[in-house]
């Protein structure tokens, strides 16, 4: 095919990315190549029908460093689905949207960026873009997931449900809710390539029309 590109006066690629093998990991931790004859496969159709394509795509990039051989299993898929997609990200989004709805009638209050949160988000979009440019897809996903976990810690640190009871300082609750929504928006924009259906649904709920990466605030 390089000859075809040259004949068409098109540039020839300077490098190729070759993906590794997905190995099936058994209960003992031993990894072997997937084989129809052995029946040791993670059936993508069955997984997609039950959990959706987003979950499988996320798991493959999260579990195995892109370009390398790596083991997968139904057990580790279930663990990542529950702990990361359902709990870390899904629960975060659900809590944030519910609190804005409950405490501010569904309208994000205007406020300033919280300096403690801004420090953890600073440069994230640039690092993410740089990793994608180098096709380091697993490492790029990790940049986004660090932010997901930071936002979960921010919820526990600030405790908006306690702030909501303090009528003397409503501005602090406004600030916390603003930063949670903004953090969720920025993080979801990073996650769209990995979770396109989920990301689009959440960005629509946040009334975010753009898809360009953004910094906090």
N, C-alpha and C. Protein backbone atom coordinates (compact mmCIF):
# COMPACT_ATOMS: atom_id res chain seq x y z
N UNK A 1 0.79 -1.23 0.00
CA UNK A 1 0.00 0.00 0.00
C UNK A 1 0.82 1.28 0.00
N UNK A 2 2.07 1.28 0.51
CA UNK A 2 2.87 2.51 0.36
C UNK A 2 3.08 2.89 -1.10
N UNK A 3 3.22 1.89 -1.97
CA UNK A 3 3.41 2.18 -3.39
C UNK A 3 2.17 2.86 -3.97
N UNK A 4 1.00 2.44 -3.51
CA UNK A 4 -0.25 3.04 -3.97
C UNK A 4 -0.32 4.51 -3.55
N UNK A 5 0.11 4.78 -2.32
CA UNK A 5 0.10 6.17 -1.84
C UNK A 5 1.06 7.02 -2.65
N UNK A 6 2.24 6.47 -2.93
CA UNK A 6 3.24 7.22 -3.69
C UNK A 6 2.74 7.48 -5.10
N UNK A 7 2.08 6.48 -5.70
CA UNK A 7 1.55 6.65 -7.06
C UNK A 7 0.48 7.73 -7.10
N UNK A 8 -0.25 7.87 -6.00
CA UNK A 8 -1.30 8.89 -5.92
C UNK A 8 -0.75 10.22 -5.43
N UNK A 9 0.57 10.29 -5.29
CA UNK A 9 1.24 11.51 -4.82
C UNK A 9 0.75 11.93 -3.44
N UNK A 10 0.54 10.92 -2.58
CA UNK A 10 0.13 11.16 -1.20
C UNK A 10 1.29 10.83 -0.27
N UNK A 11 1.38 11.50 0.87
CA UNK A 11 2.51 11.24 1.78
C UNK A 11 2.43 9.83 2.38
N UNK A 12 3.58 9.22 2.53
CA UNK A 12 3.67 7.88 3.12
C UNK A 12 3.80 8.03 4.63
N UNK A 13 3.07 7.24 5.43
CA UNK A 13 3.18 7.33 6.89
C UNK A 13 4.62 7.12 7.36
N UNK A 14 5.00 7.86 8.37
CA UNK A 14 6.35 7.75 8.91
C UNK A 14 6.48 6.66 9.96
N UNK A 15 5.36 6.21 10.51
CA UNK A 15 5.41 5.13 11.49
C UNK A 15 4.06 4.40 11.51
N UNK A 16 4.07 3.19 12.01
CA UNK A 16 2.86 2.40 12.13
C UNK A 16 2.67 1.99 13.59
N UNK A 17 1.43 1.93 14.00
CA UNK A 17 1.11 1.50 15.36
C UNK A 17 0.55 0.09 15.29
N UNK A 18 1.22 -0.83 15.94
CA UNK A 18 0.81 -2.23 15.93
C UNK A 18 0.30 -2.59 17.32
N UNK A 19 -0.97 -2.98 17.39
CA UNK A 19 -1.53 -3.31 18.71
C UNK A 19 -1.03 -4.67 19.19
N UNK A 20 -1.09 -4.89 20.48
CA UNK A 20 -0.65 -6.15 21.05
C UNK A 20 -1.78 -7.17 21.08
N UNK A 21 -1.50 -8.30 21.71
CA UNK A 21 -2.50 -9.35 21.87
C UNK A 21 -3.28 -9.15 23.17
N UNK A 22 -4.57 -9.44 23.11
CA UNK A 22 -5.36 -9.55 24.34
C UNK A 22 -5.29 -11.00 24.79
N UNK A 23 -4.77 -11.22 25.97
CA UNK A 23 -4.62 -12.56 26.52
C UNK A 23 -5.73 -12.81 27.54
N UNK A 24 -6.23 -14.01 27.59
CA UNK A 24 -7.29 -14.33 28.53
C UNK A 24 -6.66 -14.79 29.84
N UNK A 25 -7.06 -14.16 30.93
CA UNK A 25 -6.50 -14.47 32.24
C UNK A 25 -7.48 -15.37 32.99
N UNK A 26 -6.99 -16.53 33.46
CA UNK A 26 -7.87 -17.45 34.19
C UNK A 26 -7.85 -17.14 35.68
N UNK A 27 -8.56 -17.94 36.45
CA UNK A 27 -8.70 -17.69 37.89
C UNK A 27 -7.37 -17.73 38.62
N UNK A 28 -6.42 -18.48 38.10
CA UNK A 28 -5.11 -18.58 38.75
C UNK A 28 -4.17 -17.45 38.37
N UNK A 29 -4.60 -16.63 37.39
CA UNK A 29 -3.77 -15.52 36.94
C UNK A 29 -2.95 -15.84 35.71
N UNK A 30 -3.01 -17.08 35.24
CA UNK A 30 -2.26 -17.46 34.04
C UNK A 30 -2.91 -16.85 32.80
N UNK A 31 -2.08 -16.35 31.88
CA UNK A 31 -2.59 -15.70 30.68
C UNK A 31 -2.22 -16.50 29.43
N UNK A 32 -3.20 -16.71 28.57
CA UNK A 32 -3.00 -17.43 27.31
C UNK A 32 -3.69 -16.69 26.18
N UNK A 33 -3.20 -16.89 24.94
CA UNK A 33 -3.84 -16.26 23.79
C UNK A 33 -5.26 -16.79 23.64
N UNK A 34 -6.16 -15.89 23.27
CA UNK A 34 -7.54 -16.31 23.04
C UNK A 34 -7.62 -17.26 21.84
N UNK A 35 -8.45 -18.27 21.97
CA UNK A 35 -8.56 -19.27 20.92
C UNK A 35 -9.98 -19.79 20.84
N UNK A 36 -10.51 -19.89 19.62
CA UNK A 36 -11.85 -20.45 19.44
C UNK A 36 -11.90 -21.90 19.90
N UNK A 37 -10.82 -22.63 19.61
CA UNK A 37 -10.82 -24.04 19.96
C UNK A 37 -10.80 -24.25 21.47
N UNK A 38 -10.10 -23.36 22.20
CA UNK A 38 -10.06 -23.47 23.65
C UNK A 38 -11.30 -22.85 24.29
N UNK A 39 -11.93 -21.94 23.57
CA UNK A 39 -13.11 -21.28 24.11
C UNK A 39 -12.81 -20.25 25.18
N UNK A 40 -11.56 -19.84 25.26
CA UNK A 40 -11.16 -18.87 26.31
C UNK A 40 -11.22 -17.45 25.74
N UNK A 41 -12.42 -16.95 25.60
CA UNK A 41 -12.60 -15.64 25.00
C UNK A 41 -13.50 -14.76 25.88
N UNK A 42 -13.28 -13.47 25.74
CA UNK A 42 -14.20 -12.49 26.30
C UNK A 42 -15.08 -12.05 25.15
N UNK A 43 -16.28 -12.58 25.08
CA UNK A 43 -17.16 -12.38 23.93
C UNK A 43 -17.60 -10.91 23.86
N UNK A 44 -17.11 -10.15 22.86
CA UNK A 44 -17.45 -8.73 22.81
C UNK A 44 -18.94 -8.48 22.57
N UNK A 45 -19.57 -9.34 21.78
CA UNK A 45 -20.99 -9.16 21.49
C UNK A 45 -21.82 -9.30 22.77
N UNK A 46 -21.51 -10.34 23.55
CA UNK A 46 -22.25 -10.56 24.80
C UNK A 46 -22.03 -9.41 25.78
N UNK A 47 -20.79 -8.91 25.86
CA UNK A 47 -20.49 -7.81 26.77
C UNK A 47 -21.22 -6.54 26.35
N UNK A 48 -21.21 -6.25 25.04
CA UNK A 48 -21.85 -5.05 24.54
C UNK A 48 -23.36 -5.11 24.74
N UNK A 49 -23.94 -6.29 24.52
CA UNK A 49 -25.38 -6.42 24.70
C UNK A 49 -25.79 -6.18 26.16
N UNK A 50 -24.94 -6.56 27.09
CA UNK A 50 -25.28 -6.42 28.50
C UNK A 50 -24.85 -5.08 29.09
N UNK A 51 -23.63 -4.62 28.72
CA UNK A 51 -23.07 -3.42 29.37
C UNK A 51 -22.92 -2.23 28.43
N UNK A 52 -22.98 -2.44 27.13
CA UNK A 52 -22.79 -1.37 26.17
C UNK A 52 -21.36 -1.31 25.64
N UNK A 53 -21.22 -0.70 24.46
CA UNK A 53 -19.91 -0.61 23.82
C UNK A 53 -18.96 0.29 24.60
N UNK A 54 -19.49 1.34 25.23
CA UNK A 54 -18.64 2.24 26.02
C UNK A 54 -17.87 1.49 27.09
N UNK A 55 -18.57 0.61 27.79
CA UNK A 55 -17.94 -0.12 28.89
C UNK A 55 -16.81 -1.01 28.40
N UNK A 56 -17.02 -1.69 27.28
CA UNK A 56 -15.98 -2.57 26.75
C UNK A 56 -14.79 -1.77 26.24
N UNK A 57 -15.07 -0.69 25.53
CA UNK A 57 -13.99 0.16 25.01
C UNK A 57 -13.15 0.71 26.17
N UNK A 58 -13.83 1.22 27.18
CA UNK A 58 -13.14 1.75 28.35
C UNK A 58 -12.28 0.67 29.01
N UNK A 59 -12.84 -0.51 29.19
CA UNK A 59 -12.12 -1.58 29.88
C UNK A 59 -10.85 -1.96 29.14
N UNK A 60 -10.94 -2.11 27.82
CA UNK A 60 -9.77 -2.54 27.05
C UNK A 60 -8.63 -1.53 27.16
N UNK A 61 -8.95 -0.24 27.08
CA UNK A 61 -7.91 0.77 27.19
C UNK A 61 -7.40 0.90 28.62
N UNK A 62 -8.26 0.67 29.59
CA UNK A 62 -7.88 0.85 30.99
C UNK A 62 -7.08 -0.35 31.50
N UNK A 63 -7.42 -1.52 31.05
CA UNK A 63 -6.81 -2.75 31.57
C UNK A 63 -5.47 -3.07 30.92
N UNK A 64 -5.37 -2.77 29.63
CA UNK A 64 -4.17 -3.15 28.86
C UNK A 64 -3.57 -1.90 28.22
N UNK A 65 -2.31 -1.65 28.47
CA UNK A 65 -1.63 -0.51 27.89
C UNK A 65 -1.61 -0.65 26.37
N UNK A 66 -2.14 0.35 25.67
CA UNK A 66 -2.28 0.27 24.21
C UNK A 66 -0.94 -0.01 23.55
N UNK A 67 -0.93 -1.01 22.65
CA UNK A 67 0.28 -1.40 21.94
C UNK A 67 1.01 -2.56 22.58
N UNK A 68 0.64 -2.92 23.80
CA UNK A 68 1.31 -4.01 24.51
C UNK A 68 0.38 -5.22 24.64
N UNK A 69 0.98 -6.41 24.81
CA UNK A 69 0.18 -7.58 25.17
C UNK A 69 -0.33 -7.39 26.60
N UNK A 70 -1.52 -7.91 26.86
CA UNK A 70 -2.04 -7.79 28.22
C UNK A 70 -3.21 -8.70 28.46
N UNK A 71 -3.41 -9.05 29.72
CA UNK A 71 -4.45 -9.99 30.08
C UNK A 71 -5.77 -9.31 30.41
N UNK A 72 -6.86 -9.97 30.03
CA UNK A 72 -8.21 -9.53 30.37
C UNK A 72 -8.98 -10.71 30.94
N UNK A 73 -10.04 -10.42 31.66
CA UNK A 73 -10.86 -11.50 32.22
C UNK A 73 -12.25 -10.95 32.54
N UNK A 74 -13.20 -11.84 32.63
CA UNK A 74 -14.55 -11.42 33.00
C UNK A 74 -14.57 -10.85 34.42
N UNK A 75 -13.70 -11.38 35.28
CA UNK A 75 -13.63 -10.90 36.66
C UNK A 75 -13.14 -9.47 36.73
N UNK A 76 -12.03 -9.18 36.04
CA UNK A 76 -11.48 -7.83 36.09
C UNK A 76 -12.39 -6.83 35.37
N UNK A 77 -13.11 -7.31 34.34
CA UNK A 77 -14.07 -6.43 33.68
C UNK A 77 -15.15 -6.00 34.66
N UNK A 78 -15.70 -6.97 35.38
CA UNK A 78 -16.74 -6.66 36.35
C UNK A 78 -16.25 -5.72 37.43
N UNK A 79 -15.02 -5.93 37.88
CA UNK A 79 -14.46 -5.08 38.93
C UNK A 79 -14.30 -3.65 38.46
N UNK A 80 -13.76 -3.46 37.25
CA UNK A 80 -13.58 -2.09 36.73
C UNK A 80 -14.92 -1.44 36.44
N UNK A 81 -15.86 -2.22 35.93
CA UNK A 81 -17.18 -1.66 35.63
C UNK A 81 -17.83 -1.11 36.90
N UNK A 82 -17.77 -1.89 37.97
CA UNK A 82 -18.42 -1.48 39.21
C UNK A 82 -17.65 -0.36 39.91
N UNK A 83 -16.34 -0.53 40.05
CA UNK A 83 -15.57 0.42 40.86
C UNK A 83 -15.30 1.73 40.14
N UNK A 84 -15.08 1.67 38.83
CA UNK A 84 -14.69 2.89 38.12
C UNK A 84 -15.84 3.52 37.33
N UNK A 85 -16.46 2.76 36.44
CA UNK A 85 -17.53 3.36 35.64
C UNK A 85 -18.77 3.66 36.47
N UNK A 86 -19.23 2.67 37.22
CA UNK A 86 -20.47 2.87 37.99
C UNK A 86 -20.25 3.76 39.21
N UNK A 87 -19.19 3.50 39.97
CA UNK A 87 -18.99 4.21 41.23
C UNK A 87 -18.24 5.53 41.03
N UNK A 88 -17.00 5.46 40.54
CA UNK A 88 -16.18 6.68 40.42
C UNK A 88 -16.85 7.73 39.53
N UNK A 89 -17.22 7.34 38.32
CA UNK A 89 -17.71 8.31 37.34
C UNK A 89 -19.23 8.45 37.37
N UNK A 90 -19.93 7.32 37.30
CA UNK A 90 -21.39 7.37 37.26
C UNK A 90 -21.98 7.99 38.51
N UNK A 91 -21.50 7.57 39.67
CA UNK A 91 -22.01 8.11 40.92
C UNK A 91 -21.65 9.58 41.08
N UNK A 92 -20.45 9.96 40.63
CA UNK A 92 -20.05 11.37 40.68
C UNK A 92 -21.03 12.23 39.87
N UNK A 93 -21.28 11.83 38.63
CA UNK A 93 -22.17 12.60 37.77
C UNK A 93 -23.56 12.69 38.36
N UNK A 94 -24.05 11.58 38.86
CA UNK A 94 -25.40 11.53 39.44
C UNK A 94 -25.51 12.46 40.65
N UNK A 95 -24.51 12.42 41.52
CA UNK A 95 -24.54 13.25 42.73
C UNK A 95 -24.47 14.74 42.39
N UNK A 96 -23.58 15.09 41.48
CA UNK A 96 -23.40 16.50 41.13
C UNK A 96 -24.68 17.07 40.53
N UNK A 97 -25.25 16.37 39.55
CA UNK A 97 -26.46 16.87 38.92
C UNK A 97 -27.62 16.93 39.91
N UNK A 98 -27.70 15.94 40.79
CA UNK A 98 -28.78 15.91 41.77
C UNK A 98 -28.66 17.07 42.76
N UNK A 99 -27.43 17.39 43.17
CA UNK A 99 -27.26 18.47 44.14
C UNK A 99 -27.55 19.84 43.52
N UNK A 100 -27.17 20.03 42.26
CA UNK A 100 -27.50 21.29 41.59
C UNK A 100 -29.02 21.41 41.46
N UNK A 101 -29.66 20.32 41.14
CA UNK A 101 -31.12 20.33 41.02
C UNK A 101 -31.79 20.61 42.37
N UNK A 102 -31.28 19.97 43.40
CA UNK A 102 -31.90 20.09 44.71
C UNK A 102 -31.65 21.44 45.36
N UNK A 103 -30.39 21.90 45.31
CA UNK A 103 -30.04 23.11 46.06
C UNK A 103 -30.15 24.40 45.25
N UNK A 104 -30.10 24.29 43.90
CA UNK A 104 -30.14 25.51 43.09
C UNK A 104 -31.12 25.37 41.92
N UNK A 105 -32.12 24.54 42.07
CA UNK A 105 -33.19 24.40 41.08
C UNK A 105 -32.67 24.11 39.68
N UNK A 106 -31.58 23.38 39.60
CA UNK A 106 -31.07 22.95 38.29
C UNK A 106 -30.26 23.98 37.55
N UNK A 107 -30.00 25.11 38.16
CA UNK A 107 -29.21 26.17 37.52
C UNK A 107 -27.85 26.28 38.19
N UNK A 108 -26.79 26.20 37.39
CA UNK A 108 -25.44 26.29 37.95
C UNK A 108 -25.18 27.73 38.40
N UNK A 109 -24.86 27.93 39.67
CA UNK A 109 -24.64 29.31 40.16
C UNK A 109 -23.31 29.87 39.66
N UNK A 110 -23.26 31.15 39.36
CA UNK A 110 -21.98 31.77 38.97
C UNK A 110 -21.06 31.85 40.18
N UNK A 111 -19.79 31.55 39.98
CA UNK A 111 -18.82 31.57 41.08
C UNK A 111 -17.41 31.58 40.51
N UNK A 112 -16.44 31.57 41.40
CA UNK A 112 -15.04 31.55 41.02
C UNK A 112 -14.48 30.13 41.11
N UNK A 113 -13.41 29.88 40.37
CA UNK A 113 -12.73 28.59 40.45
C UNK A 113 -12.06 28.45 41.80
N UNK A 114 -12.23 27.30 42.42
CA UNK A 114 -11.61 27.01 43.71
C UNK A 114 -10.12 26.71 43.47
N UNK A 115 -9.26 27.47 44.11
CA UNK A 115 -7.82 27.34 43.89
C UNK A 115 -7.31 25.94 44.22
N UNK A 116 -7.89 25.30 45.23
CA UNK A 116 -7.42 23.96 45.61
C UNK A 116 -7.72 22.94 44.52
N UNK A 117 -8.80 23.16 43.79
CA UNK A 117 -9.16 22.24 42.70
C UNK A 117 -8.42 22.62 41.43
N UNK A 118 -8.25 23.90 41.21
CA UNK A 118 -7.58 24.37 39.99
C UNK A 118 -6.17 23.83 39.87
N UNK A 119 -5.48 23.69 40.99
CA UNK A 119 -4.10 23.19 40.96
C UNK A 119 -4.03 21.78 40.40
N UNK A 120 -5.03 20.96 40.69
CA UNK A 120 -5.03 19.58 40.22
C UNK A 120 -5.45 19.48 38.75
N UNK A 121 -6.20 20.45 38.27
CA UNK A 121 -6.66 20.44 36.88
C UNK A 121 -5.71 21.17 35.94
N UNK A 122 -4.82 21.96 36.49
CA UNK A 122 -3.96 22.80 35.65
C UNK A 122 -3.12 21.95 34.68
N UNK A 123 -3.20 22.27 33.40
CA UNK A 123 -2.41 21.59 32.38
C UNK A 123 -2.91 20.22 31.97
N UNK A 124 -4.03 19.77 32.53
CA UNK A 124 -4.51 18.42 32.23
C UNK A 124 -4.84 18.25 30.75
N UNK A 125 -5.52 19.23 30.17
CA UNK A 125 -5.89 19.13 28.75
C UNK A 125 -4.66 19.07 27.86
N UNK A 126 -3.64 19.84 28.21
CA UNK A 126 -2.41 19.83 27.42
C UNK A 126 -1.69 18.49 27.53
N UNK A 127 -1.61 17.94 28.74
CA UNK A 127 -0.98 16.63 28.91
C UNK A 127 -1.76 15.55 28.17
N UNK A 128 -3.07 15.62 28.25
CA UNK A 128 -3.93 14.65 27.57
C UNK A 128 -3.70 14.70 26.06
N UNK A 129 -3.68 15.90 25.50
CA UNK A 129 -3.49 16.06 24.05
C UNK A 129 -2.12 15.55 23.62
N UNK A 130 -1.12 15.83 24.41
CA UNK A 130 0.23 15.39 24.09
C UNK A 130 0.32 13.86 24.06
N UNK A 131 -0.32 13.21 25.00
CA UNK A 131 -0.31 11.75 25.04
C UNK A 131 -1.08 11.16 23.86
N UNK A 132 -2.20 11.77 23.50
CA UNK A 132 -2.95 11.28 22.34
C UNK A 132 -2.13 11.44 21.07
N UNK A 133 -1.42 12.55 20.95
CA UNK A 133 -0.59 12.77 19.77
C UNK A 133 0.48 11.68 19.63
N UNK A 134 0.91 11.13 20.74
CA UNK A 134 1.91 10.07 20.73
C UNK A 134 1.27 8.68 20.76
N UNK A 135 -0.05 8.63 20.61
CA UNK A 135 -0.82 7.38 20.61
C UNK A 135 -0.64 6.60 21.91
N UNK A 136 -0.42 7.33 23.01
CA UNK A 136 -0.35 6.70 24.32
C UNK A 136 -1.75 6.80 24.95
N UNK A 137 -2.63 5.96 24.42
CA UNK A 137 -4.06 6.10 24.72
C UNK A 137 -4.41 5.70 26.15
N UNK A 138 -3.74 4.69 26.66
CA UNK A 138 -4.01 4.26 28.03
C UNK A 138 -3.54 5.31 29.03
N UNK A 139 -2.37 5.88 28.77
CA UNK A 139 -1.85 6.91 29.67
C UNK A 139 -2.72 8.17 29.62
N UNK A 140 -3.25 8.50 28.45
CA UNK A 140 -4.14 9.65 28.33
C UNK A 140 -5.42 9.43 29.14
N UNK A 141 -5.95 8.23 29.08
CA UNK A 141 -7.14 7.91 29.86
C UNK A 141 -6.86 8.05 31.35
N UNK A 142 -5.66 7.70 31.76
CA UNK A 142 -5.31 7.81 33.18
C UNK A 142 -5.31 9.27 33.63
N UNK A 143 -4.91 10.20 32.75
CA UNK A 143 -4.96 11.63 33.08
C UNK A 143 -6.38 12.03 33.42
N UNK A 144 -7.33 11.58 32.60
CA UNK A 144 -8.73 11.91 32.85
C UNK A 144 -9.23 11.27 34.13
N UNK A 145 -8.79 10.04 34.40
CA UNK A 145 -9.32 9.34 35.57
C UNK A 145 -8.78 9.89 36.87
N UNK A 146 -7.59 10.46 36.84
CA UNK A 146 -7.07 11.16 38.02
C UNK A 146 -8.01 12.30 38.39
N UNK A 147 -8.55 12.99 37.39
CA UNK A 147 -9.47 14.09 37.65
C UNK A 147 -10.81 13.59 38.18
N UNK A 148 -11.28 12.46 37.66
CA UNK A 148 -12.52 11.87 38.18
C UNK A 148 -12.38 11.60 39.67
N UNK A 149 -11.29 11.00 40.07
CA UNK A 149 -11.08 10.69 41.48
C UNK A 149 -10.86 11.95 42.32
N UNK A 150 -10.23 12.96 41.72
CA UNK A 150 -10.06 14.21 42.45
C UNK A 150 -11.41 14.86 42.73
N UNK A 151 -12.31 14.82 41.78
CA UNK A 151 -13.64 15.41 41.98
C UNK A 151 -14.41 14.66 43.05
N UNK A 152 -14.26 13.36 43.11
CA UNK A 152 -14.91 12.59 44.17
C UNK A 152 -14.37 12.98 45.54
N UNK A 153 -13.06 13.20 45.63
CA UNK A 153 -12.48 13.65 46.90
C UNK A 153 -12.98 15.05 47.25
N UNK A 154 -13.14 15.89 46.24
CA UNK A 154 -13.63 17.26 46.46
C UNK A 154 -15.04 17.24 47.04
N UNK A 155 -15.86 16.33 46.58
CA UNK A 155 -17.21 16.20 47.15
C UNK A 155 -17.13 15.88 48.63
N UNK A 156 -16.26 14.94 48.98
CA UNK A 156 -16.15 14.55 50.39
C UNK A 156 -15.51 15.64 51.23
N UNK A 157 -14.57 16.37 50.66
CA UNK A 157 -13.90 17.44 51.40
C UNK A 157 -14.85 18.62 51.69
N UNK A 158 -15.67 18.96 50.71
CA UNK A 158 -16.51 20.15 50.85
C UNK A 158 -17.88 19.86 51.44
N UNK A 159 -18.38 18.64 51.27
CA UNK A 159 -19.67 18.21 51.82
C UNK A 159 -20.79 19.23 51.52
N UNK A 160 -21.21 19.32 50.27
CA UNK A 160 -22.25 20.30 49.91
C UNK A 160 -23.54 20.14 50.71
N UNK A 161 -23.87 18.93 51.11
CA UNK A 161 -25.10 18.71 51.88
C UNK A 161 -25.03 19.39 53.26
N UNK A 162 -23.82 19.56 53.78
CA UNK A 162 -23.65 20.30 55.04
C UNK A 162 -23.71 21.79 54.77
N UNK A 163 -23.06 22.23 53.68
CA UNK A 163 -23.08 23.64 53.32
C UNK A 163 -24.50 24.13 53.06
N UNK A 164 -25.34 23.25 52.53
CA UNK A 164 -26.71 23.64 52.21
C UNK A 164 -27.51 24.01 53.45
N UNK A 165 -27.08 23.54 54.61
CA UNK A 165 -27.77 23.84 55.86
C UNK A 165 -27.30 25.15 56.48
N UNK A 166 -26.19 25.69 55.95
CA UNK A 166 -25.63 26.92 56.50
C UNK A 166 -26.16 28.11 55.70
N UNK A 167 -27.23 28.69 56.16
CA UNK A 167 -27.86 29.81 55.45
C UNK A 167 -27.04 31.09 55.54
N UNK A 168 -26.05 31.13 56.42
CA UNK A 168 -25.24 32.33 56.59
C UNK A 168 -24.17 32.48 55.51
N UNK A 169 -23.87 31.39 54.78
CA UNK A 169 -22.80 31.44 53.78
C UNK A 169 -23.21 30.71 52.50
N UNK A 170 -24.23 31.21 51.81
CA UNK A 170 -24.69 30.54 50.59
C UNK A 170 -23.67 30.62 49.46
N UNK A 171 -22.78 31.62 49.50
CA UNK A 171 -21.79 31.78 48.44
C UNK A 171 -20.82 30.59 48.38
N UNK A 172 -20.53 30.00 49.54
CA UNK A 172 -19.61 28.87 49.54
C UNK A 172 -20.25 27.67 48.86
N UNK A 173 -21.52 27.43 49.06
CA UNK A 173 -22.20 26.34 48.36
C UNK A 173 -22.23 26.62 46.86
N UNK A 174 -22.47 27.88 46.48
CA UNK A 174 -22.45 28.24 45.06
C UNK A 174 -21.10 27.90 44.45
N UNK A 175 -20.03 28.23 45.17
CA UNK A 175 -18.68 27.97 44.66
C UNK A 175 -18.43 26.49 44.49
N UNK A 176 -18.81 25.71 45.47
CA UNK A 176 -18.58 24.27 45.41
C UNK A 176 -19.37 23.64 44.26
N UNK A 177 -20.63 24.00 44.13
CA UNK A 177 -21.45 23.43 43.05
C UNK A 177 -20.91 23.84 41.69
N UNK A 178 -20.53 25.11 41.56
CA UNK A 178 -19.96 25.58 40.30
C UNK A 178 -18.72 24.76 39.93
N UNK A 179 -17.83 24.56 40.89
CA UNK A 179 -16.59 23.84 40.62
C UNK A 179 -16.82 22.37 40.31
N UNK A 180 -17.80 21.77 40.95
CA UNK A 180 -18.12 20.38 40.65
C UNK A 180 -18.65 20.23 39.24
N UNK A 181 -19.56 21.11 38.84
CA UNK A 181 -20.10 21.05 37.48
C UNK A 181 -19.01 21.35 36.46
N UNK A 182 -18.21 22.36 36.73
CA UNK A 182 -17.14 22.72 35.81
C UNK A 182 -16.11 21.60 35.70
N UNK A 183 -15.76 21.02 36.83
CA UNK A 183 -14.82 19.89 36.81
C UNK A 183 -15.37 18.71 36.05
N UNK A 184 -16.66 18.44 36.23
CA UNK A 184 -17.30 17.33 35.52
C UNK A 184 -17.33 17.61 34.01
N UNK A 185 -17.58 18.86 33.64
CA UNK A 185 -17.59 19.23 32.22
C UNK A 185 -16.21 19.03 31.59
N UNK A 186 -15.18 19.55 32.23
CA UNK A 186 -13.83 19.44 31.70
C UNK A 186 -13.40 17.98 31.59
N UNK A 187 -13.69 17.20 32.60
CA UNK A 187 -13.31 15.79 32.61
C UNK A 187 -14.06 15.00 31.56
N UNK A 188 -15.33 15.27 31.40
CA UNK A 188 -16.13 14.54 30.41
C UNK A 188 -15.67 14.84 28.99
N UNK A 189 -15.25 16.06 28.73
CA UNK A 189 -14.71 16.38 27.41
C UNK A 189 -13.47 15.53 27.11
N UNK A 190 -12.68 15.23 28.12
CA UNK A 190 -11.54 14.34 27.93
C UNK A 190 -11.98 12.90 27.66
N UNK A 191 -13.07 12.51 28.27
CA UNK A 191 -13.50 11.11 28.21
C UNK A 191 -14.34 10.77 26.99
N UNK A 192 -14.78 11.76 26.22
CA UNK A 192 -15.64 11.49 25.06
C UNK A 192 -15.03 10.46 24.09
N UNK A 193 -13.72 10.50 23.79
CA UNK A 193 -13.18 9.48 22.87
C UNK A 193 -13.28 8.05 23.40
N UNK A 194 -13.31 7.91 24.71
CA UNK A 194 -13.37 6.58 25.32
C UNK A 194 -14.81 6.17 25.64
N UNK A 195 -15.63 7.13 26.00
CA UNK A 195 -17.03 6.87 26.37
C UNK A 195 -17.93 7.79 25.54
N UNK A 196 -17.98 7.58 24.21
CA UNK A 196 -18.71 8.53 23.36
C UNK A 196 -20.20 8.64 23.67
N UNK A 197 -20.88 7.52 23.87
CA UNK A 197 -22.32 7.59 24.14
C UNK A 197 -22.58 8.21 25.52
N UNK A 198 -21.87 7.73 26.52
CA UNK A 198 -22.02 8.25 27.88
C UNK A 198 -21.63 9.72 27.94
N UNK A 199 -20.51 10.06 27.30
CA UNK A 199 -20.03 11.43 27.31
C UNK A 199 -21.01 12.38 26.66
N UNK A 200 -21.56 11.99 25.51
CA UNK A 200 -22.52 12.85 24.82
C UNK A 200 -23.77 13.07 25.67
N UNK A 201 -24.22 12.02 26.33
CA UNK A 201 -25.42 12.13 27.18
C UNK A 201 -25.18 13.11 28.33
N UNK A 202 -24.01 12.99 28.96
CA UNK A 202 -23.71 13.85 30.11
C UNK A 202 -23.48 15.29 29.68
N UNK A 203 -22.77 15.48 28.57
CA UNK A 203 -22.53 16.85 28.09
C UNK A 203 -23.84 17.53 27.69
N UNK A 204 -24.78 16.75 27.18
CA UNK A 204 -26.10 17.31 26.86
C UNK A 204 -26.80 17.74 28.14
N UNK A 205 -26.68 16.95 29.20
CA UNK A 205 -27.29 17.30 30.48
C UNK A 205 -26.65 18.56 31.06
N UNK A 206 -25.37 18.76 30.77
CA UNK A 206 -24.65 19.95 31.24
C UNK A 206 -24.84 21.13 30.29
N UNK A 207 -25.57 20.93 29.21
CA UNK A 207 -25.82 21.97 28.22
C UNK A 207 -24.51 22.46 27.59
N UNK A 208 -23.59 21.53 27.38
CA UNK A 208 -22.30 21.85 26.75
C UNK A 208 -22.39 21.49 25.27
N UNK A 209 -22.29 22.51 24.41
CA UNK A 209 -22.42 22.28 22.97
C UNK A 209 -21.07 22.01 22.31
N UNK A 210 -19.99 22.55 22.83
CA UNK A 210 -18.68 22.36 22.23
C UNK A 210 -18.07 21.01 22.59
N UNK A 211 -17.06 20.60 21.82
CA UNK A 211 -16.35 19.35 22.10
C UNK A 211 -14.85 19.57 22.19
N UNK A 212 -14.42 20.81 22.15
CA UNK A 212 -13.00 21.10 22.31
C UNK A 212 -12.60 20.91 23.77
N UNK A 213 -11.38 20.48 23.99
CA UNK A 213 -10.89 20.31 25.35
C UNK A 213 -10.81 21.67 26.03
N UNK A 214 -11.00 21.67 27.34
CA UNK A 214 -11.08 22.94 28.07
C UNK A 214 -10.32 22.84 29.39
N UNK A 215 -9.88 24.00 29.84
CA UNK A 215 -9.30 24.10 31.19
C UNK A 215 -10.39 24.50 32.17
N UNK A 216 -10.18 24.22 33.43
CA UNK A 216 -11.15 24.55 34.46
C UNK A 216 -11.41 26.05 34.49
N UNK A 217 -12.70 26.41 34.43
CA UNK A 217 -13.08 27.82 34.49
C UNK A 217 -13.27 28.46 33.11
